[in-house]
Amino acid sequence: MFQLSEMEDQLVDDPSHLTHVVEEIMLADPSNWQKHYHGNDHELKLVVDKKLSPDPKELVLQGIYEYMSDYEYATFC
């Protein structure tokens, strides 16, 4: 969803800025997620930013895992 929002930001004249809206809401009322993370305001903002942006390394590892799962399934069936 956030990747689509980034595309929207680049392609649409008046984008919704979904990522920024979600970040503002999360920071305005952190009661739903703050108990899972600890730190000062700056550190918590970094947590929010990281959660809203996919980690490229994690995306690569996920792709490798999916590929290997498909290969294993095809090999042993």
PDB file of N, CA and C in Angstrom:
ATOM      1  N   MET A   1       0.813  -1.174   0.000  1.00  0.00           N
ATOM      2  CA  MET A   1       0.000   0.000   0.000  1.00  0.00           C
ATOM      3  C   MET A   1       0.872   1.259   0.000  1.00  0.00           C
ATOM      4  N   PHE A   2       1.965   1.229   0.792  1.00  0.00           N
ATOM      5  CA  PHE A   2       2.818   2.404   0.853  1.00  0.00           C
ATOM      6  C   PHE A   2       3.620   2.592  -0.428  1.00  0.00           C
ATOM      7  N   GLN A   3       3.947   1.506  -1.093  1.00  0.00           N
ATOM      8  CA  GLN A   3       4.643   1.639  -2.369  1.00  0.00           C
ATOM      9  C   GLN A   3       3.724   2.255  -3.408  1.00  0.00           C
ATOM     10  N   LEU A   4       2.446   1.885  -3.383  1.00  0.00           N
ATOM     11  CA  LEU A   4       1.487   2.518  -4.284  1.00  0.00           C
ATOM     12  C   LEU A   4       1.340   4.003  -3.955  1.00  0.00           C
ATOM     13  N   SER A   5       1.390   4.327  -2.684  1.00  0.00           N
ATOM     14  CA  SER A   5       1.312   5.735  -2.277  1.00  0.00           C
ATOM     15  C   SER A   5       2.505   6.525  -2.808  1.00  0.00           C
ATOM     16  N   GLU A   6       3.685   5.918  -2.779  1.00  0.00           N
ATOM     17  CA  GLU A   6       4.866   6.591  -3.324  1.00  0.00           C
ATOM     18  C   GLU A   6       4.716   6.827  -4.817  1.00  0.00           C
ATOM     19  N   MET A   7       4.146   5.855  -5.531  1.00  0.00           N
ATOM     20  CA  MET A   7       3.897   6.033  -6.965  1.00  0.00           C
ATOM     21  C   MET A   7       2.900   7.170  -7.179  1.00  0.00           C
ATOM     22  N   GLU A   8       1.857   7.191  -6.362  1.00  0.00           N
ATOM     23  CA  GLU A   8       0.859   8.243  -6.457  1.00  0.00           C
ATOM     24  C   GLU A   8       1.503   9.615  -6.253  1.00  0.00           C
ATOM     25  N   ASP A   9       2.398   9.710  -5.254  1.00  0.00           N
ATOM     26  CA  ASP A   9       3.082  10.981  -4.988  1.00  0.00           C
ATOM     27  C   ASP A   9       3.825  11.499  -6.212  1.00  0.00           C
ATOM     28  N   GLN A  10       4.348  10.585  -7.006  1.00  0.00           N
ATOM     29  CA  GLN A  10       5.134  10.975  -8.176  1.00  0.00           C
ATOM     30  C   GLN A  10       4.274  11.221  -9.410  1.00  0.00           C
ATOM     31  N   LEU A  11       3.114  10.572  -9.491  1.00  0.00           N
ATOM     32  CA  LEU A  11       2.340  10.616 -10.730  1.00  0.00           C
ATOM     33  C   LEU A  11       1.116  11.527 -10.699  1.00  0.00           C
ATOM     34  N   VAL A  12       0.589  11.799  -9.528  1.00  0.00           N
ATOM     35  CA  VAL A  12      -0.671  12.535  -9.415  1.00  0.00           C
ATOM     36  C   VAL A  12      -0.383  13.978  -9.007  1.00  0.00           C
ATOM     37  N   ASP A  13      -1.147  14.892  -9.590  1.00  0.00           N
ATOM     38  CA  ASP A  13      -0.954  16.309  -9.277  1.00  0.00           C
ATOM     39  C   ASP A  13      -1.304  16.640  -7.830  1.00  0.00           C
ATOM     40  N   ASP A  14      -2.330  16.012  -7.301  1.00  0.00           N
ATOM     41  CA  ASP A  14      -2.764  16.283  -5.923  1.00  0.00           C
ATOM     42  C   ASP A  14      -2.832  14.955  -5.156  1.00  0.00           C
ATOM     43  N   PRO A  15      -1.668  14.394  -4.776  1.00  0.00           N
ATOM     44  CA  PRO A  15      -1.658  13.075  -4.130  1.00  0.00           C
ATOM     45  C   PRO A  15      -2.182  13.132  -2.689  1.00  0.00           C
ATOM     46  N   SER A  16      -2.542  11.962  -2.172  1.00  0.00           N
ATOM     47  CA  SER A  16      -3.096  11.868  -0.819  1.00  0.00           C
ATOM     48  C   SER A  16      -2.025  11.915   0.263  1.00  0.00           C
ATOM     49  N   HIS A  17      -0.774  11.631  -0.076  1.00  0.00           N
ATOM     50  CA  HIS A  17       0.330  11.591   0.896  1.00  0.00           C
ATOM     51  C   HIS A  17       0.010  10.621   2.036  1.00  0.00           C
ATOM     52  N   LEU A  18      -0.464   9.438   1.675  1.00  0.00           N
ATOM     53  CA  LEU A  18      -0.900   8.439   2.644  1.00  0.00           C
ATOM     54  C   LEU A  18       0.157   8.136   3.697  1.00  0.00           C
ATOM     55  N   THR A  19       1.409   7.956   3.295  1.00  0.00           N
ATOM     56  CA  THR A  19       2.470   7.627   4.241  1.00  0.00           C
ATOM     57  C   THR A  19       2.611   8.712   5.304  1.00  0.00           C
ATOM     58  N   HIS A  20       2.561   9.952   4.889  1.00  0.00           N
ATOM     59  CA  HIS A  20       2.695  11.057   5.832  1.00  0.00           C
ATOM     60  C   HIS A  20       1.478  11.152   6.757  1.00  0.00           C
ATOM     61  N   VAL A  21       0.300  10.883   6.218  1.00  0.00           N
ATOM     62  CA  VAL A  21      -0.916  10.921   7.026  1.00  0.00           C
ATOM     63  C   VAL A  21      -0.866   9.827   8.097  1.00  0.00           C
ATOM     64  N   VAL A  22      -0.487   8.623   7.700  1.00  0.00           N
ATOM     65  CA  VAL A  22      -0.389   7.513   8.660  1.00  0.00           C
ATOM     66  C   VAL A  22       0.660   7.833   9.726  1.00  0.00           C
ATOM     67  N   GLU A  23       1.795   8.377   9.309  1.00  0.00           N
ATOM     68  CA  GLU A  23       2.844   8.740  10.257  1.00  0.00           C
ATOM     69  C   GLU A  23       2.334   9.774  11.265  1.00  0.00           C
ATOM     70  N   GLU A  24       1.618  10.782  10.792  1.00  0.00           N
ATOM     71  CA  GLU A  24       1.078  11.804  11.687  1.00  0.00           C
ATOM     72  C   GLU A  24       0.105  11.198  12.690  1.00  0.00           C
ATOM     73  N   ILE A  25      -0.750  10.303  12.219  1.00  0.00           N
ATOM     74  CA  ILE A  25      -1.728   9.656  13.103  1.00  0.00           C
ATOM     75  C   ILE A  25      -1.023   8.783  14.131  1.00  0.00           C
ATOM     76  N   MET A  26      -0.018   8.024  13.685  1.00  0.00           N
ATOM     77  CA  MET A  26       0.713   7.161  14.609  1.00  0.00           C
ATOM     78  C   MET A  26       1.430   7.977  15.670  1.00  0.00           C
ATOM     79  N   LEU A  27       2.032   9.077  15.278  1.00  0.00           N
ATOM     80  CA  LEU A  27       2.760   9.909  16.238  1.00  0.00           C
ATOM     81  C   LEU A  27       1.819  10.700  17.142  1.00  0.00           C
ATOM     82  N   ALA A  28       0.626  11.037  16.634  1.00  0.00           N
ATOM     83  CA  ALA A  28      -0.337  11.787  17.440  1.00  0.00           C
ATOM     84  C   ALA A  28      -0.944  10.908  18.532  1.00  0.00           C
ATOM     85  N   ASP A  29      -1.116   9.610  18.249  1.00  0.00           N
ATOM     86  CA  ASP A  29      -1.699   8.696  19.234  1.00  0.00           C
ATOM     87  C   ASP A  29      -0.919   7.376  19.211  1.00  0.00           C
ATOM     88  N   PRO A  30       0.230   7.353  19.871  1.00  0.00           N
ATOM     89  CA  PRO A  30       1.082   6.165  19.836  1.00  0.00           C
ATOM     90  C   PRO A  30       0.643   5.046  20.782  1.00  0.00           C
ATOM     91  N   SER A  31      -0.496   5.188  21.439  1.00  0.00           N
ATOM     92  CA  SER A  31      -0.911   4.210  22.452  1.00  0.00           C
ATOM     93  C   SER A  31      -1.078   2.796  21.884  1.00  0.00           C
ATOM     94  N   ASN A  32      -1.382   2.665  20.603  1.00  0.00           N
ATOM     95  CA  ASN A  32      -1.595   1.343  20.011  1.00  0.00           C
ATOM     96  C   ASN A  32      -0.305   0.616  19.668  1.00  0.00           C
ATOM     97  N   TRP A  33       0.788   1.334  19.562  1.00  0.00           N
ATOM     98  CA  TRP A  33       2.027   0.675  19.146  1.00  0.00           C
ATOM     99  C   TRP A  33       3.223   0.983  20.035  1.00  0.00           C
ATOM    100  N   GLN A  34       3.163   2.030  20.835  1.00  0.00           N
ATOM    101  CA  GLN A  34       4.325   2.476  21.598  1.00  0.00           C
ATOM    102  C   GLN A  34       4.775   1.463  22.648  1.00  0.00           C
ATOM    103  N   LYS A  35       3.860   0.659  23.178  1.00  0.00           N
ATOM    104  CA  LYS A  35       4.243  -0.315  24.194  1.00  0.00           C
ATOM    105  C   LYS A  35       5.182  -1.384  23.645  1.00  0.00           C
ATOM    106  N   HIS A  36       5.235  -1.503  22.319  1.00  0.00           N
ATOM    107  CA  HIS A  36       6.112  -2.490  21.680  1.00  0.00           C
ATOM    108  C   HIS A  36       7.505  -1.940  21.402  1.00  0.00           C
ATOM    109  N   TYR A  37       7.671  -0.616  21.495  1.00  0.00           N
ATOM    110  CA  TYR A  37       8.941   0.034  21.184  1.00  0.00           C
ATOM    111  C   TYR A  37       9.305   0.999  22.303  1.00  0.00           C
ATOM    112  N   HIS A  38      10.586   1.188  22.514  1.00  0.00           N
ATOM    113  CA  HIS A  38      11.040   2.063  23.586  1.00  0.00           C
ATOM    114  C   HIS A  38      12.048   3.063  23.028  1.00  0.00           C
ATOM    115  N   GLY A  39      12.066   4.245  23.599  1.00  0.00           N
ATOM    116  CA  GLY A  39      13.032   5.250  23.188  1.00  0.00           C
ATOM    117  C   GLY A  39      12.453   6.644  23.312  1.00  0.00           C
ATOM    118  N   ASN A  40      13.299   7.625  22.998  1.00  0.00           N
ATOM    119  CA  ASN A  40      12.833   9.009  23.036  1.00  0.00           C
ATOM    120  C   ASN A  40      12.032   9.327  21.770  1.00  0.00           C
ATOM    121  N   ASP A  41      11.530  10.541  21.671  1.00  0.00           N
ATOM    122  CA  ASP A  41      10.681  10.910  20.531  1.00  0.00           C
ATOM    123  C   ASP A  41      11.389  10.706  19.199  1.00  0.00           C
ATOM    124  N   HIS A  42      12.666  11.063  19.132  1.00  0.00           N
ATOM    125  CA  HIS A  42      13.421  10.905  17.890  1.00  0.00           C
ATOM    126  C   HIS A  42      13.541   9.422  17.510  1.00  0.00           C
ATOM    127  N   GLU A  43      13.858   8.578  18.478  1.00  0.00           N
ATOM    128  CA  GLU A  43      13.994   7.142  18.207  1.00  0.00           C
ATOM    129  C   GLU A  43      12.658   6.527  17.791  1.00  0.00           C
ATOM    130  N   LEU A  44      11.567   6.964  18.420  1.00  0.00           N
ATOM    131  CA  LEU A  44      10.253   6.443  18.043  1.00  0.00           C
ATOM    132  C   LEU A  44       9.859   6.889  16.641  1.00  0.00           C
ATOM    133  N   LYS A  45      10.231   8.107  16.257  1.00  0.00           N
ATOM    134  CA  LYS A  45       9.942   8.567  14.892  1.00  0.00           C
ATOM    135  C   LYS A  45      10.696   7.714  13.884  1.00  0.00           C
ATOM    136  N   LEU A  46      11.924   7.340  14.213  1.00  0.00           N
ATOM    137  CA  LEU A  46      12.686   6.455  13.327  1.00  0.00           C
ATOM    138  C   LEU A  46      12.008   5.099  13.192  1.00  0.00           C
ATOM    139  N   VAL A  47      11.424   4.607  14.281  1.00  0.00           N
ATOM    140  CA  VAL A  47      10.687   3.336  14.235  1.00  0.00           C
ATOM    141  C   VAL A  47       9.506   3.463  13.290  1.00  0.00           C
ATOM    142  N   VAL A  48       8.745   4.549  13.422  1.00  0.00           N
ATOM    143  CA  VAL A  48       7.591   4.766  12.552  1.00  0.00           C
ATOM    144  C   VAL A  48       8.046   4.846  11.099  1.00  0.00           C
ATOM    145  N   ASP A  49       9.092   5.622  10.837  1.00  0.00           N
ATOM    146  CA  ASP A  49       9.601   5.753   9.467  1.00  0.00           C
ATOM    147  C   ASP A  49      10.015   4.406   8.907  1.00  0.00           C
ATOM    148  N   LYS A  50      10.690   3.601   9.703  1.00  0.00           N
ATOM    149  CA  LYS A  50      11.151   2.292   9.230  1.00  0.00           C
ATOM    150  C   LYS A  50       9.973   1.373   8.954  1.00  0.00           C
ATOM    151  N   LYS A  51       8.954   1.391   9.813  1.00  0.00           N
ATOM    152  CA  LYS A  51       7.793   0.526   9.626  1.00  0.00           C
ATOM    153  C   LYS A  51       6.999   0.932   8.387  1.00  0.00           C
ATOM    154  N   LEU A  52       7.043   2.194   8.027  1.00  0.00           N
ATOM    155  CA  LEU A  52       6.291   2.652   6.867  1.00  0.00           C
ATOM    156  C   LEU A  52       7.060   2.473   5.563  1.00  0.00           C
ATOM    157  N   SER A  53       8.351   2.241   5.652  1.00  0.00           N
ATOM    158  CA  SER A  53       9.173   2.061   4.461  1.00  0.00           C
ATOM    159  C   SER A  53       9.743   0.645   4.463  1.00  0.00           C
ATOM    160  N   PRO A  54       9.490  -0.116   3.403  1.00  0.00           N
ATOM    161  CA  PRO A  54      10.024  -1.474   3.379  1.00  0.00           C
ATOM    162  C   PRO A  54      11.547  -1.464   3.302  1.00  0.00           C
ATOM    163  N   ASP A  55      12.172  -2.368   4.023  1.00  0.00           N
ATOM    164  CA  ASP A  55      13.623  -2.516   4.017  1.00  0.00           C
ATOM    165  C   ASP A  55      14.018  -3.285   2.749  1.00  0.00           C
ATOM    166  N   PRO A  56      14.847  -2.705   1.879  1.00  0.00           N
ATOM    167  CA  PRO A  56      15.233  -3.390   0.643  1.00  0.00           C
ATOM    168  C   PRO A  56      15.847  -4.770   0.902  1.00  0.00           C
ATOM    169  N   LYS A  57      16.644  -4.893   1.939  1.00  0.00           N
ATOM    170  CA  LYS A  57      17.249  -6.188   2.254  1.00  0.00           C
ATOM    171  C   LYS A  57      16.169  -7.218   2.587  1.00  0.00           C
ATOM    172  N   GLU A  58      15.170  -6.810   3.348  1.00  0.00           N
ATOM    173  CA  GLU A  58      14.082  -7.725   3.692  1.00  0.00           C
ATOM    174  C   GLU A  58      13.298  -8.133   2.443  1.00  0.00           C
ATOM    175  N   LEU A  59      13.095  -7.193   1.515  1.00  0.00           N
ATOM    176  CA  LEU A  59      12.396  -7.526   0.277  1.00  0.00           C
ATOM    177  C   LEU A  59      13.170  -8.548  -0.540  1.00  0.00           C
ATOM    178  N   VAL A  60      14.496  -8.405  -0.606  1.00  0.00           N
ATOM    179  CA  VAL A  60      15.335  -9.351  -1.335  1.00  0.00           C
ATOM    180  C   VAL A  60      15.274 -10.722  -0.667  1.00  0.00           C
ATOM    181  N   LEU A  61      15.421 -10.746   0.656  1.00  0.00           N
ATOM    182  CA  LEU A  61      15.365 -12.020   1.377  1.00  0.00           C
ATOM    183  C   LEU A  61      14.011 -12.691   1.219  1.00  0.00           C
ATOM    184  N   GLN A  62      12.950 -11.919   1.237  1.00  0.00           N
ATOM    185  CA  GLN A  62      11.616 -12.471   1.030  1.00  0.00           C
ATOM    186  C   GLN A  62      11.503 -13.083  -0.367  1.00  0.00           C
ATOM    187  N   GLY A  63      12.033 -12.391  -1.374  1.00  0.00           N
ATOM    188  CA  GLY A  63      12.010 -12.910  -2.737  1.00  0.00           C
ATOM    189  C   GLY A  63      12.797 -14.201  -2.860  1.00  0.00           C
ATOM    190  N   ILE A  64      13.954 -14.262  -2.226  1.00  0.00           N
ATOM    191  CA  ILE A  64      14.771 -15.480  -2.258  1.00  0.00           C
ATOM    192  C   ILE A  64      14.025 -16.625  -1.590  1.00  0.00           C
ATOM    193  N   TYR A  65      13.426 -16.357  -0.442  1.00  0.00           N
ATOM    194  CA  TYR A  65      12.683 -17.389   0.271  1.00  0.00           C
ATOM    195  C   TYR A  65      11.534 -17.924  -0.586  1.00  0.00           C
ATOM    196  N   GLU A  66      10.792 -17.018  -1.213  1.00  0.00           N
ATOM    197  CA  GLU A  66       9.677 -17.444  -2.066  1.00  0.00           C
ATOM    198  C   GLU A  66      10.185 -18.268  -3.244  1.00  0.00           C
ATOM    199  N   TYR A  67      11.282 -17.855  -3.861  1.00  0.00           N
ATOM    200  CA  TYR A  67      11.857 -18.601  -4.983  1.00  0.00           C
ATOM    201  C   TYR A  67      12.271 -19.997  -4.542  1.00  0.00           C
ATOM    202  N   MET A  68      12.954 -20.069  -3.385  1.00  0.00           N
ATOM    203  CA  MET A  68      13.413 -21.369  -2.901  1.00  0.00           C
ATOM    204  C   MET A  68      12.229 -22.270  -2.526  1.00  0.00           C
ATOM    205  N   SER A  69      11.181 -21.706  -1.985  1.00  0.00           N
ATOM    206  CA  SER A  69       9.990 -22.487  -1.660  1.00  0.00           C
ATOM    207  C   SER A  69       9.359 -23.052  -2.917  1.00  0.00           C
ATOM    208  N   ASP A  70       9.284 -22.237  -3.968  1.00  0.00           N
ATOM    209  CA  ASP A  70       8.742 -22.711  -5.246  1.00  0.00           C
ATOM    210  C   ASP A  70       9.616 -23.806  -5.829  1.00  0.00           C
ATOM    211  N   TYR A  71      10.936 -23.637  -5.747  1.00  0.00           N
ATOM    212  CA  TYR A  71      11.873 -24.626  -6.270  1.00  0.00           C
ATOM    213  C   TYR A  71      11.740 -25.943  -5.502  1.00  0.00           C
ATOM    214  N   GLU A  72      11.661 -25.852  -4.187  1.00  0.00           N
ATOM    215  CA  GLU A  72      11.531 -27.058  -3.369  1.00  0.00           C
ATOM    216  C   GLU A  72      10.234 -27.792  -3.703  1.00  0.00           C
ATOM    217  N   TYR A  73       9.140 -27.047  -3.863  1.00  0.00           N
ATOM    218  CA  TYR A  73       7.865 -27.648  -4.198  1.00  0.00           C
ATOM    219  C   TYR A  73       7.929 -28.354  -5.551  1.00  0.00           C
ATOM    220  N   ALA A  74       8.539 -27.684  -6.542  1.00  0.00           N
ATOM    221  CA  ALA A  74       8.639 -28.257  -7.891  1.00  0.00           C
ATOM    222  C   ALA A  74       9.549 -29.475  -7.912  1.00  0.00           C
ATOM    223  N   THR A  75      10.575 -29.485  -7.096  1.00  0.00           N
ATOM    224  CA  THR A  75      11.548 -30.579  -7.089  1.00  0.00           C
ATOM    225  C   THR A  75      10.987 -31.836  -6.441  1.00  0.00           C
ATOM    226  N   PHE A  76      10.204 -31.682  -5.409  1.00  0.00           N
ATOM    227  CA  PHE A  76       9.761 -32.844  -4.646  1.00  0.00           C
ATOM    228  C   PHE A  76       8.338 -33.285  -4.960  1.00  0.00           C
ATOM    229  N   CYS A  77       7.711 -32.680  -5.930  1.00  0.00           N
ATOM    230  CA  CYS A  77       6.346 -33.098  -6.300  1.00  0.00           C
ATOM    231  C   CYS A  77       6.359 -34.030  -7.473  1.00  0.00           C
TER     232      CYS A  77
END
